[in-house]
Protein backbone atom coordinates (compact mmCIF):
# COMPACT_ATOMS: atom_id res chain seq x y z
CA MET A 1 124.49 37.15 95.89
CA ALA A 2 121.29 35.42 95.38
CA GLN A 3 118.14 37.65 94.90
CA GLN A 4 116.41 36.44 98.34
CA GLU A 5 119.50 37.65 100.18
CA GLN A 6 119.50 40.90 98.13
CA GLN A 7 115.70 41.26 99.14
CA GLU A 8 116.51 40.38 102.72
CA GLN A 9 119.26 43.10 103.03
CA ARG A 10 116.92 45.64 101.57
CA THR A 11 114.22 44.88 103.81
CA GLU A 12 116.57 44.90 106.76
CA SER A 13 117.86 48.60 105.65
CA LEU A 14 114.21 49.85 105.62
CA ILE A 15 113.59 48.85 109.33
CA GLN A 16 113.85 52.20 110.90
CA ILE A 17 112.55 51.37 114.52
CA ARG A 18 114.38 48.98 116.50
CA GLU A 19 114.08 47.43 120.13
CA VAL A 20 117.17 48.13 122.22
CA THR A 21 118.22 44.78 123.58
CA GLN A 22 121.17 45.88 125.47
CA ILE A 23 123.35 49.20 126.44
CA GLN A 24 126.78 49.45 127.01
CA ALA A 25 128.09 52.53 128.77
CA SER A 26 131.53 53.61 128.47
CA TRP A 27 133.56 56.78 129.96
CA THR A 28 136.92 58.19 128.36
CA GLU A 29 139.36 60.49 130.01
CA ARG A 30 139.92 63.63 127.90
CA GLU A 31 142.42 65.60 130.11
CA ARG A 32 143.70 64.62 133.36
CA GLY A 33 141.81 66.46 136.10
CA ASP A 34 138.85 67.38 133.49
CA ASP A 35 135.20 66.08 133.13
CA GLY A 36 135.34 62.81 130.85
CA ALA A 37 133.00 61.79 128.19
CA PHE A 38 130.33 59.15 128.69
CA THR A 39 128.90 57.11 125.56
CA LEU A 40 126.13 54.49 125.44
CA GLN A 41 126.05 52.05 122.85
CA LEU A 42 122.71 50.78 122.07
CA ILE A 43 122.49 47.36 120.89
CA LEU A 44 119.55 46.88 118.73
CA ASP A 45 117.42 43.94 117.68
CA ASN A 46 120.19 41.47 119.35
CA GLY A 47 122.97 43.00 117.27
CA ALA A 48 121.21 43.57 113.95
CA ASP A 49 122.28 47.17 114.29
CA GLU A 50 123.66 49.35 116.92
CA TYR A 51 124.00 53.26 117.53
CA ILE A 52 126.20 55.33 119.83
CA LEU A 53 124.83 58.36 121.90
CA ALA A 54 127.13 60.83 123.57
CA PRO A 55 125.18 62.14 126.19
CA SER A 56 126.01 64.92 128.87
CA ASN A 57 126.51 63.91 132.11
CA ASP A 58 123.14 65.08 133.38
CA ASP A 59 121.49 63.55 130.28
CA LEU A 60 123.05 60.26 131.14
CA ASP A 61 121.74 60.46 134.68
CA VAL A 62 118.27 60.80 133.20
CA LEU A 63 118.87 58.17 130.46
CA LEU A 64 119.95 55.48 132.93
CA GLN A 65 116.92 56.24 135.21
CA LEU A 66 114.50 55.98 132.23
CA PHE A 67 116.17 52.47 131.28
CA GLN A 68 115.78 51.57 134.88
CA ARG A 69 112.03 52.46 135.13
CA SER A 70 111.07 51.31 131.59
CA ASP A 71 110.69 47.57 130.82
CA HIS A 72 111.03 48.17 126.91
CA ALA A 73 112.97 50.79 124.73
CA MET A 74 112.90 51.62 121.26
CA PHE A 75 115.44 53.67 118.93
CA ASP A 76 114.09 55.15 115.71
CA LEU A 77 117.21 55.20 113.52
CA GLY A 78 115.77 57.75 111.28
CA ARG A 79 114.69 60.42 113.53
CA LYS A 80 117.33 59.48 116.39
CA VAL A 81 114.71 59.06 119.00
CA LEU A 82 115.05 56.72 121.98
CA MET A 83 111.39 56.04 123.34
CA PHE A 84 110.76 54.29 126.43
CA SER A 85 107.31 52.35 127.26
CA ASN A 86 105.59 51.05 130.24
CA LEU A 87 107.58 53.45 132.40
CA ASN A 88 106.84 52.59 135.83
CA VAL A 89 105.89 56.07 137.63
CA ASP A 90 105.83 55.28 141.46
């Protein structure tokens, strides 16, 4: 591997805060008639990285509202923190 490629990979691995550029929601049935499980796949920096959240049903409702109200979301990979900016509070 070329030295420049190695440097780029090291730099890429040091990036801890990434922009959420897409989300994909999924629901999985556990047992027939029981509550299912939701997951949110966060696509970060247009596919440079990704992270999967497994929120409770109540947390999912709040997260989806925050995504709708915000025009920008960031995810801190090191601390596992999802941050929303420019929230519309109307």
